[in-house]
């Protein structure tokens, strides 16, 4: 049975629950990554 949980990797590479704070951090990291890869 699957849960409707969201997960992300922590600083040790292990899965952890995706809290609102971590969700915000992930959005920021994705934004930086997109800017870095599209800035030519």
PDB file of N, CA and C in Angstrom:
ATOM      1  N   UNK A   1       0.848  -1.184   0.000  1.00  0.00           N
ATOM      2  CA  UNK A   1       0.000   0.000   0.000  1.00  0.00           C
ATOM      3  C   UNK A   1       0.889   1.242   0.000  1.00  0.00           C
ATOM      4  N   UNK A   2       0.585   2.184  -0.854  1.00  0.00           N
ATOM      5  CA  UNK A   2       1.365   3.414  -0.960  1.00  0.00           C
ATOM      6  C   UNK A   2       0.744   4.520  -0.120  1.00  0.00           C
ATOM      7  N   UNK A   3       1.585   5.340   0.458  1.00  0.00           N
ATOM      8  CA  UNK A   3       1.088   6.508   1.181  1.00  0.00           C
ATOM      9  C   UNK A   3       1.180   7.716   0.259  1.00  0.00           C
ATOM     10  N   UNK A   4       0.479   8.763   0.576  1.00  0.00           N
ATOM     11  CA  UNK A   4       0.544  10.005  -0.195  1.00  0.00           C
ATOM     12  C   UNK A   4       1.596  10.930   0.387  1.00  0.00           C
ATOM     13  N   UNK A   5       2.714  10.356   0.822  1.00  0.00           N
ATOM     14  CA  UNK A   5       3.795  11.117   1.423  1.00  0.00           C
ATOM     15  C   UNK A   5       4.752  11.610   0.348  1.00  0.00           C
ATOM     16  N   UNK A   6       5.302  12.773   0.582  1.00  0.00           N
ATOM     17  CA  UNK A   6       6.350  13.280  -0.286  1.00  0.00           C
ATOM     18  C   UNK A   6       7.662  13.141   0.473  1.00  0.00           C
ATOM     19  N   UNK A   7       8.720  12.812  -0.268  1.00  0.00           N
ATOM     20  CA  UNK A   7      10.010  12.609   0.371  1.00  0.00           C
ATOM     21  C   UNK A   7      11.087  13.332  -0.417  1.00  0.00           C
ATOM     22  N   UNK A   8      12.197  13.575   0.253  1.00  0.00           N
ATOM     23  CA  UNK A   8      13.372  14.167  -0.369  1.00  0.00           C
ATOM     24  C   UNK A   8      14.598  13.557   0.290  1.00  0.00           C
ATOM     25  N   UNK A   9      15.743  13.824  -0.256  1.00  0.00           N
ATOM     26  CA  UNK A   9      16.985  13.326   0.342  1.00  0.00           C
ATOM     27  C   UNK A   9      17.507  14.354   1.341  1.00  0.00           C
ATOM     28  N   UNK A  10      18.030  13.866   2.457  1.00  0.00           N
ATOM     29  CA  UNK A  10      18.640  14.769   3.430  1.00  0.00           C
ATOM     30  C   UNK A  10      20.119  14.931   3.106  1.00  0.00           C
ATOM     31  N   UNK A  11      20.839  15.595   3.977  1.00  0.00           N
ATOM     32  CA  UNK A  11      22.255  15.872   3.723  1.00  0.00           C
ATOM     33  C   UNK A  11      23.126  14.618   3.719  1.00  0.00           C
ATOM     34  N   UNK A  12      22.599  13.513   4.225  1.00  0.00           N
ATOM     35  CA  UNK A  12      23.340  12.249   4.217  1.00  0.00           C
ATOM     36  C   UNK A  12      22.908  11.350   3.058  1.00  0.00           C
ATOM     37  N   UNK A  13      21.963  11.833   2.225  1.00  0.00           N
ATOM     38  CA  UNK A  13      21.484  11.063   1.091  1.00  0.00           C
ATOM     39  C   UNK A  13      20.372  10.092   1.426  1.00  0.00           C
ATOM     40  N   UNK A  14      19.852  10.166   2.641  1.00  0.00           N
ATOM     41  CA  UNK A  14      18.779   9.276   3.066  1.00  0.00           C
ATOM     42  C   UNK A  14      17.430   9.950   2.849  1.00  0.00           C
ATOM     43  N   UNK A  15      16.389   9.153   2.597  1.00  0.00           N
ATOM     44  CA  UNK A  15      15.060   9.704   2.401  1.00  0.00           C
ATOM     45  C   UNK A  15      14.507  10.253   3.707  1.00  0.00           C
ATOM     46  N   UNK A  16      13.839  11.393   3.607  1.00  0.00           N
ATOM     47  CA  UNK A  16      13.212  12.020   4.763  1.00  0.00           C
ATOM     48  C   UNK A  16      11.913  12.654   4.310  1.00  0.00           C
ATOM     49  N   UNK A  17      10.995  12.892   5.230  1.00  0.00           N
ATOM     50  CA  UNK A  17       9.718  13.533   4.902  1.00  0.00           C
ATOM     51  C   UNK A  17       9.955  14.926   4.367  1.00  0.00           C
ATOM     52  N   UNK A  18       9.164  15.294   3.357  1.00  0.00           N
ATOM     53  CA  UNK A  18       9.292  16.606   2.739  1.00  0.00           C
ATOM     54  C   UNK A  18       8.418  17.594   3.508  1.00  0.00           C
ATOM     55  N   UNK A  19       9.046  18.352   4.397  1.00  0.00           N
ATOM     56  CA  UNK A  19       8.342  19.353   5.194  1.00  0.00           C
ATOM     57  C   UNK A  19       8.155  20.621   4.369  1.00  0.00           C
ATOM     58  N   UNK A  20       7.279  21.527   4.794  1.00  0.00           N
ATOM     59  CA  UNK A  20       7.119  22.792   4.071  1.00  0.00           C
ATOM     60  C   UNK A  20       8.440  23.561   3.932  1.00  0.00           C
ATOM     61  N   UNK A  21       9.278  23.519   4.951  1.00  0.00           N
ATOM     62  CA  UNK A  21      10.578  24.209   4.901  1.00  0.00           C
ATOM     63  C   UNK A  21      11.485  23.566   3.847  1.00  0.00           C
ATOM     64  N   UNK A  22      11.543  22.241   3.829  1.00  0.00           N
ATOM     65  CA  UNK A  22      12.374  21.558   2.845  1.00  0.00           C
ATOM     66  C   UNK A  22      11.819  21.744   1.430  1.00  0.00           C
ATOM     67  N   UNK A  23      10.494  21.825   1.310  1.00  0.00           N
ATOM     68  CA  UNK A  23       9.874  22.056   0.011  1.00  0.00           C
ATOM     69  C   UNK A  23      10.309  23.417  -0.533  1.00  0.00           C
ATOM     70  N   UNK A  24      10.357  24.416   0.334  1.00  0.00           N
ATOM     71  CA  UNK A  24      10.789  25.766  -0.055  1.00  0.00           C
ATOM     72  C   UNK A  24      12.262  25.766  -0.460  1.00  0.00           C
ATOM     73  N   UNK A  25      13.085  25.047   0.294  1.00  0.00           N
ATOM     74  CA  UNK A  25      14.507  24.940  -0.028  1.00  0.00           C
ATOM     75  C   UNK A  25      14.678  24.267  -1.388  1.00  0.00           C
ATOM     76  N   UNK A  26      13.937  23.198  -1.648  1.00  0.00           N
ATOM     77  CA  UNK A  26      14.033  22.494  -2.925  1.00  0.00           C
ATOM     78  C   UNK A  26      13.645  23.406  -4.080  1.00  0.00           C
ATOM     79  N   UNK A  27      12.588  24.222  -3.906  1.00  0.00           N
ATOM     80  CA  UNK A  27      12.184  25.160  -4.957  1.00  0.00           C
ATOM     81  C   UNK A  27      13.301  26.152  -5.256  1.00  0.00           C
ATOM     82  N   UNK A  28      13.960  26.629  -4.223  1.00  0.00           N
ATOM     83  CA  UNK A  28      15.067  27.581  -4.398  1.00  0.00           C
ATOM     84  C   UNK A  28      16.230  26.918  -5.132  1.00  0.00           C
ATOM     85  N   UNK A  29      16.569  25.692  -4.750  1.00  0.00           N
ATOM     86  CA  UNK A  29      17.661  24.980  -5.415  1.00  0.00           C
ATOM     87  C   UNK A  29      17.339  24.717  -6.887  1.00  0.00           C
ATOM     88  N   UNK A  30      16.103  24.371  -7.192  1.00  0.00           N
ATOM     89  CA  UNK A  30      15.699  24.156  -8.583  1.00  0.00           C
ATOM     90  C   UNK A  30      15.829  25.454  -9.365  1.00  0.00           C
ATOM     91  N   UNK A  31      15.444  26.571  -8.750  1.00  0.00           N
ATOM     92  CA  UNK A  31      15.552  27.878  -9.408  1.00  0.00           C
ATOM     93  C   UNK A  31      17.008  28.201  -9.729  1.00  0.00           C
ATOM     94  N   UNK A  32      17.910  28.002  -8.770  1.00  0.00           N
ATOM     95  CA  UNK A  32      19.336  28.246  -8.997  1.00  0.00           C
ATOM     96  C   UNK A  32      19.870  27.349 -10.115  1.00  0.00           C
ATOM     97  N   UNK A  33      19.460  26.083 -10.089  1.00  0.00           N
ATOM     98  CA  UNK A  33      19.928  25.128 -11.089  1.00  0.00           C
ATOM     99  C   UNK A  33      19.470  25.547 -12.493  1.00  0.00           C
ATOM    100  N   UNK A  34      18.210  25.971 -12.609  1.00  0.00           N
ATOM    101  CA  UNK A  34      17.687  26.392 -13.916  1.00  0.00           C
ATOM    102  C   UNK A  34      18.413  27.625 -14.416  1.00  0.00           C
ATOM    103  N   UNK A  35      18.666  28.596 -13.537  1.00  0.00           N
ATOM    104  CA  UNK A  35      19.376  29.808 -13.939  1.00  0.00           C
ATOM    105  C   UNK A  35      20.801  29.483 -14.378  1.00  0.00           C
ATOM    106  N   UNK A  36      21.459  28.587 -13.655  1.00  0.00           N
ATOM    107  CA  UNK A  36      22.836  28.226 -13.961  1.00  0.00           C
ATOM    108  C   UNK A  36      22.931  27.546 -15.325  1.00  0.00           C
ATOM    109  N   UNK A  37      21.987  26.671 -15.619  1.00  0.00           N
ATOM    110  CA  UNK A  37      22.034  25.901 -16.860  1.00  0.00           C
ATOM    111  C   UNK A  37      21.492  26.660 -18.058  1.00  0.00           C
ATOM    112  N   UNK A  38      20.806  27.769 -17.861  1.00  0.00           N
ATOM    113  CA  UNK A  38      20.243  28.528 -18.963  1.00  0.00           C
ATOM    114  C   UNK A  38      20.939  29.864 -19.187  1.00  0.00           C
ATOM    115  N   UNK A  39      21.958  30.152 -18.388  1.00  0.00           N
ATOM    116  CA  UNK A  39      22.668  31.435 -18.507  1.00  0.00           C
ATOM    117  C   UNK A  39      23.888  31.273 -19.407  1.00  0.00           C
ATOM    118  N   UNK A  40      23.679  31.512 -20.696  1.00  0.00           N
ATOM    119  CA  UNK A  40      24.788  31.411 -21.646  1.00  0.00           C
ATOM    120  C   UNK A  40      25.108  32.764 -22.193  1.00  0.00           C
TER     121      UNK A  40
END
